[in-house]
Amino acid sequence: ALRAEAKAAGVWLLIGSLGLKTGD
């Protein structure tokens, strides 16, 4: 969603971090 919003607005975005699964 944030990638789509950045594209729609034409701005740079730092997503500070996301907790993500890794498959480890």
PDB file of all heavy atoms in Angstrom:
ATOM      1  N   ALA A   1       0.825  -1.213   0.000  1.00  0.00           N
ATOM      2  CA  ALA A   1       0.000   0.000   0.000  1.00  0.00           C
ATOM      3  C   ALA A   1       0.859   1.264   0.000  1.00  0.00           C
ATOM      4  O   ALA A   1       0.560   2.235  -0.720  1.00  0.00           O
ATOM      5  CB  ALA A   1      -0.931  -0.005   1.212  1.00  0.00           C
ATOM      6  N   LEU A   2       1.933   1.265   0.780  1.00  0.00           N
ATOM      7  CA  LEU A   2       2.774   2.458   0.841  1.00  0.00           C
ATOM      8  C   LEU A   2       3.564   2.653  -0.454  1.00  0.00           C
ATOM      9  O   LEU A   2       3.806   3.788  -0.879  1.00  0.00           O
ATOM     10  CB  LEU A   2       3.704   2.390   2.048  1.00  0.00           C
ATOM     11  CG  LEU A   2       3.008   2.606   3.401  1.00  0.00           C
ATOM     12  CD1 LEU A   2       3.997   2.401   4.549  1.00  0.00           C
ATOM     13  CD2 LEU A   2       2.385   4.000   3.485  1.00  0.00           C
ATOM     14  N   ARG A   3       3.962   1.567  -1.091  1.00  0.00           N
ATOM     15  CA  ARG A   3       4.606   1.698  -2.401  1.00  0.00           C
ATOM     16  C   ARG A   3       3.640   2.328  -3.400  1.00  0.00           C
ATOM     17  O   ARG A   3       4.028   3.222  -4.182  1.00  0.00           O
ATOM     18  CB  ARG A   3       5.063   0.335  -2.907  1.00  0.00           C
ATOM     19  CG  ARG A   3       6.253  -0.251  -2.174  1.00  0.00           C
ATOM     20  CD  ARG A   3       6.665  -1.600  -2.765  1.00  0.00           C
ATOM     21  NE  ARG A   3       7.127  -1.448  -4.151  1.00  0.00           N
ATOM     22  CZ  ARG A   3       7.427  -2.468  -4.952  1.00  0.00           C
ATOM     23  NH1 ARG A   3       7.307  -3.719  -4.509  1.00  0.00           N
ATOM     24  NH2 ARG A   3       7.838  -2.251  -6.181  1.00  0.00           N
ATOM     25  N   ALA A   4       2.400   1.900  -3.382  1.00  0.00           N
ATOM     26  CA  ALA A   4       1.401   2.458  -4.292  1.00  0.00           C
ATOM     27  C   ALA A   4       1.157   3.939  -4.008  1.00  0.00           C
ATOM     28  O   ALA A   4       1.018   4.751  -4.944  1.00  0.00           O
ATOM     29  CB  ALA A   4       0.093   1.666  -4.177  1.00  0.00           C
ATOM     30  N   GLU A   5       1.108   4.302  -2.735  1.00  0.00           N
ATOM     31  CA  GLU A   5       0.890   5.708  -2.368  1.00  0.00           C
ATOM     32  C   GLU A   5       2.070   6.576  -2.796  1.00  0.00           C
ATOM     33  O   GLU A   5       1.895   7.696  -3.278  1.00  0.00           O
ATOM     34  CB  GLU A   5       0.666   5.827  -0.864  1.00  0.00           C
ATOM     35  CG  GLU A   5      -0.666   5.307  -0.391  1.00  0.00           C
ATOM     36  CD  GLU A   5      -1.840   6.170  -0.804  1.00  0.00           C
ATOM     37  OE1 GLU A   5      -1.719   7.405  -0.783  1.00  0.00           O
ATOM     38  OE2 GLU A   5      -2.887   5.592  -1.157  1.00  0.00           O
ATOM     39  N   ALA A   6       3.296   6.075  -2.597  1.00  0.00           N
ATOM     40  CA  ALA A   6       4.474   6.836  -3.014  1.00  0.00           C
ATOM     41  C   ALA A   6       4.457   7.069  -4.517  1.00  0.00           C
ATOM     42  O   ALA A   6       4.782   8.173  -5.001  1.00  0.00           O
ATOM     43  CB  ALA A   6       5.742   6.094  -2.598  1.00  0.00           C
ATOM     44  N   LYS A   7       4.080   6.054  -5.269  1.00  0.00           N
ATOM     45  CA  LYS A   7       4.004   6.191  -6.724  1.00  0.00           C
ATOM     46  C   LYS A   7       2.924   7.182  -7.132  1.00  0.00           C
ATOM     47  O   LYS A   7       3.148   8.046  -7.998  1.00  0.00           O
ATOM     48  CB  LYS A   7       3.735   4.823  -7.361  1.00  0.00           C
ATOM     49  CG  LYS A   7       3.662   4.861  -8.879  1.00  0.00           C
ATOM     50  CD  LYS A   7       3.448   3.467  -9.460  1.00  0.00           C
ATOM     51  CE  LYS A   7       3.409   3.517 -10.992  1.00  0.00           C
ATOM     52  NZ  LYS A   7       3.229   2.153 -11.576  1.00  0.00           N
ATOM     53  N   ALA A   8       1.758   7.096  -6.511  1.00  0.00           N
ATOM     54  CA  ALA A   8       0.655   7.996  -6.855  1.00  0.00           C
ATOM     55  C   ALA A   8       1.008   9.459  -6.566  1.00  0.00           C
ATOM     56  O   ALA A   8       0.632  10.369  -7.316  1.00  0.00           O
ATOM     57  CB  ALA A   8      -0.603   7.595  -6.095  1.00  0.00           C
ATOM     58  N   ALA A   9       1.759   9.671  -5.485  1.00  0.00           N
ATOM     59  CA  ALA A   9       2.123  11.039  -5.088  1.00  0.00           C
ATOM     60  C   ALA A   9       3.430  11.497  -5.718  1.00  0.00           C
ATOM     61  O   ALA A   9       3.740  12.694  -5.701  1.00  0.00           O
ATOM     62  CB  ALA A   9       2.232  11.114  -3.569  1.00  0.00           C
ATOM     63  N   GLY A  10       4.230  10.552  -6.221  1.00  0.00           N
ATOM     64  CA  GLY A  10       5.527  10.904  -6.811  1.00  0.00           C
ATOM     65  C   GLY A  10       6.515  11.408  -5.784  1.00  0.00           C
ATOM     66  O   GLY A  10       7.268  12.356  -6.051  1.00  0.00           O
ATOM     67  N   VAL A  11       6.552  10.739  -4.616  1.00  0.00           N
ATOM     68  CA  VAL A  11       7.442  11.193  -3.539  1.00  0.00           C
ATOM     69  C   VAL A  11       8.366  10.060  -3.114  1.00  0.00           C
ATOM     70  O   VAL A  11       8.112   8.881  -3.377  1.00  0.00           O
ATOM     71  CB  VAL A  11       6.641  11.683  -2.316  1.00  0.00           C
ATOM     72  CG1 VAL A  11       5.729  12.846  -2.692  1.00  0.00           C
ATOM     73  CG2 VAL A  11       5.823  10.543  -1.690  1.00  0.00           C
ATOM     74  N   TRP A  12       9.447  10.443  -2.446  1.00  0.00           N
ATOM     75  CA  TRP A  12      10.348   9.480  -1.818  1.00  0.00           C
ATOM     76  C   TRP A  12       9.778   9.080  -0.460  1.00  0.00           C
ATOM     77  O   TRP A  12       9.172   9.917   0.234  1.00  0.00           O
ATOM     78  CB  TRP A  12      11.736  10.077  -1.632  1.00  0.00           C
ATOM     79  CG  TRP A  12      12.491  10.215  -2.918  1.00  0.00           C
ATOM     80  CD1 TRP A  12      12.519  11.304  -3.746  1.00  0.00           C
ATOM     81  CD2 TRP A  12      13.322   9.223  -3.532  1.00  0.00           C
ATOM     82  NE1 TRP A  12      13.318  11.051  -4.841  1.00  0.00           N
ATOM     83  CE2 TRP A  12      13.827   9.785  -4.733  1.00  0.00           C
ATOM     84  CE3 TRP A  12      13.684   7.924  -3.182  1.00  0.00           C
ATOM     85  CZ2 TRP A  12      14.677   9.083  -5.581  1.00  0.00           C
ATOM     86  CZ3 TRP A  12      14.530   7.220  -4.021  1.00  0.00           C
ATOM     87  CH2 TRP A  12      15.019   7.796  -5.212  1.00  0.00           C
ATOM     88  N   LEU A  13       9.994   7.838  -0.072  1.00  0.00           N
ATOM     89  CA  LEU A  13       9.452   7.328   1.186  1.00  0.00           C
ATOM     90  C   LEU A  13      10.453   6.392   1.846  1.00  0.00           C
ATOM     91  O   LEU A  13      10.940   5.455   1.201  1.00  0.00           O
ATOM     92  CB  LEU A  13       8.142   6.565   0.925  1.00  0.00           C
ATOM     93  CG  LEU A  13       7.584   5.720   2.077  1.00  0.00           C
ATOM     94  CD1 LEU A  13       7.146   6.597   3.239  1.00  0.00           C
ATOM     95  CD2 LEU A  13       6.421   4.858   1.582  1.00  0.00           C
ATOM     96  N   LEU A  14      10.762   6.651   3.108  1.00  0.00           N
ATOM     97  CA  LEU A  14      11.471   5.674   3.931  1.00  0.00           C
ATOM     98  C   LEU A  14      10.444   4.995   4.831  1.00  0.00           C
ATOM     99  O   LEU A  14       9.858   5.648   5.693  1.00  0.00           O
ATOM    100  CB  LEU A  14      12.555   6.319   4.802  1.00  0.00           C
ATOM    101  CG  LEU A  14      13.260   5.275   5.681  1.00  0.00           C
ATOM    102  CD1 LEU A  14      14.411   4.619   4.924  1.00  0.00           C
ATOM    103  CD2 LEU A  14      13.744   5.854   6.991  1.00  0.00           C
ATOM    104  N   ILE A  15      10.209   3.702   4.596  1.00  0.00           N
ATOM    105  CA  ILE A  15       9.428   2.917   5.549  1.00  0.00           C
ATOM    106  C   ILE A  15      10.431   2.483   6.611  1.00  0.00           C
ATOM    107  O   ILE A  15      11.279   1.622   6.372  1.00  0.00           O
ATOM    108  CB  ILE A  15       8.786   1.697   4.882  1.00  0.00           C
ATOM    109  CG1 ILE A  15       7.898   2.124   3.716  1.00  0.00           C
ATOM    110  CG2 ILE A  15       7.967   0.909   5.914  1.00  0.00           C
ATOM    111  CD1 ILE A  15       7.330   0.963   2.915  1.00  0.00           C
ATOM    112  N   GLY A  16      10.349   3.090   7.783  1.00  0.00           N
ATOM    113  CA  GLY A  16      11.382   2.929   8.808  1.00  0.00           C
ATOM    114  C   GLY A  16      11.761   1.493   9.033  1.00  0.00           C
ATOM    115  O   GLY A  16      12.934   1.138   8.999  1.00  0.00           O
ATOM    116  N   SER A  17      10.784   0.639   9.264  1.00  0.00           N
ATOM    117  CA  SER A  17      10.972  -0.805   9.162  1.00  0.00           C
ATOM    118  C   SER A  17       9.628  -1.480   9.248  1.00  0.00           C
ATOM    119  O   SER A  17       8.630  -0.904   9.702  1.00  0.00           O
ATOM    120  CB  SER A  17      11.929  -1.359  10.236  1.00  0.00           C
ATOM    121  OG  SER A  17      11.262  -1.578  11.467  1.00  0.00           O
ATOM    122  N   LEU A  18       9.627  -2.726   8.778  1.00  0.00           N
ATOM    123  CA  LEU A  18       8.481  -3.619   8.903  1.00  0.00           C
ATOM    124  C   LEU A  18       8.946  -4.914   9.546  1.00  0.00           C
ATOM    125  O   LEU A  18      10.048  -5.393   9.248  1.00  0.00           O
ATOM    126  CB  LEU A  18       7.882  -3.933   7.528  1.00  0.00           C
ATOM    127  CG  LEU A  18       7.377  -2.751   6.710  1.00  0.00           C
ATOM    128  CD1 LEU A  18       6.985  -3.213   5.302  1.00  0.00           C
ATOM    129  CD2 LEU A  18       6.202  -2.066   7.396  1.00  0.00           C
ATOM    130  N   GLY A  19       8.128  -5.466  10.429  1.00  0.00           N
ATOM    131  CA  GLY A  19       8.362  -6.818  10.899  1.00  0.00           C
ATOM    132  C   GLY A  19       7.850  -7.783   9.840  1.00  0.00           C
ATOM    133  O   GLY A  19       6.688  -7.704   9.432  1.00  0.00           O
ATOM    134  N   LEU A  20       8.728  -8.667   9.365  1.00  0.00           N
ATOM    135  CA  LEU A  20       8.372  -9.553   8.253  1.00  0.00           C
ATOM    136  C   LEU A  20       8.771 -10.994   8.544  1.00  0.00           C
ATOM    137  O   LEU A  20       9.821 -11.244   9.145  1.00  0.00           O
ATOM    138  CB  LEU A  20       9.085  -9.105   6.974  1.00  0.00           C
ATOM    139  CG  LEU A  20       8.733  -7.721   6.447  1.00  0.00           C
ATOM    140  CD1 LEU A  20       9.698  -7.327   5.334  1.00  0.00           C
ATOM    141  CD2 LEU A  20       7.290  -7.669   5.954  1.00  0.00           C
ATOM    142  N   LYS A  21       7.969 -11.932   8.096  1.00  0.00           N
ATOM    143  CA  LYS A  21       8.347 -13.336   8.150  1.00  0.00           C
ATOM    144  C   LYS A  21       9.488 -13.589   7.168  1.00  0.00           C
ATOM    145  O   LYS A  21       9.607 -12.900   6.146  1.00  0.00           O
ATOM    146  CB  LYS A  21       7.157 -14.224   7.812  1.00  0.00           C
ATOM    147  CG  LYS A  21       6.079 -14.255   8.892  1.00  0.00           C
ATOM    148  CD  LYS A  21       4.947 -15.194   8.520  1.00  0.00           C
ATOM    149  CE  LYS A  21       3.924 -15.313   9.646  1.00  0.00           C
ATOM    150  NZ  LYS A  21       2.788 -16.187   9.271  1.00  0.00           N
ATOM    151  N   THR A  22      10.308 -14.593   7.482  1.00  0.00           N
ATOM    152  CA  THR A  22      11.472 -14.881   6.657  1.00  0.00           C
ATOM    153  C   THR A  22      11.509 -16.296   6.110  1.00  0.00           C
ATOM    154  O   THR A  22      12.265 -16.576   5.184  1.00  0.00           O
ATOM    155  CB  THR A  22      12.765 -14.666   7.461  1.00  0.00           C
ATOM    156  OG1 THR A  22      12.776 -15.601   8.559  1.00  0.00           O
ATOM    157  CG2 THR A  22      12.858 -13.248   7.997  1.00  0.00           C
ATOM    158  N   GLY A  23      10.749 -17.200   6.683  1.00  0.00           N
ATOM    159  CA  GLY A  23      10.836 -18.599   6.284  1.00  0.00           C
ATOM    160  C   GLY A  23      11.979 -19.347   6.927  1.00  0.00           C
ATOM    161  O   GLY A  23      12.231 -20.517   6.612  1.00  0.00           O
ATOM    162  N   ASP A  24      12.708 -18.693   7.858  1.00  0.00           N
ATOM    163  CA  ASP A  24      13.797 -19.365   8.551  1.00  0.00           C
ATOM    164  C   ASP A  24      13.266 -20.516   9.401  1.00  0.00           C
ATOM    165  O   ASP A  24      12.141 -20.460   9.911  1.00  0.00           O
ATOM    166  CB  ASP A  24      14.543 -18.377   9.459  1.00  0.00           C
ATOM    167  CG  ASP A  24      15.390 -17.398   8.663  1.00  0.00           C
ATOM    168  OD1 ASP A  24      15.381 -17.494   7.423  1.00  0.00           O
ATOM    169  OD2 ASP A  24      16.051 -16.553   9.283  1.00  0.00           O
TER     170      ASP A  24
END
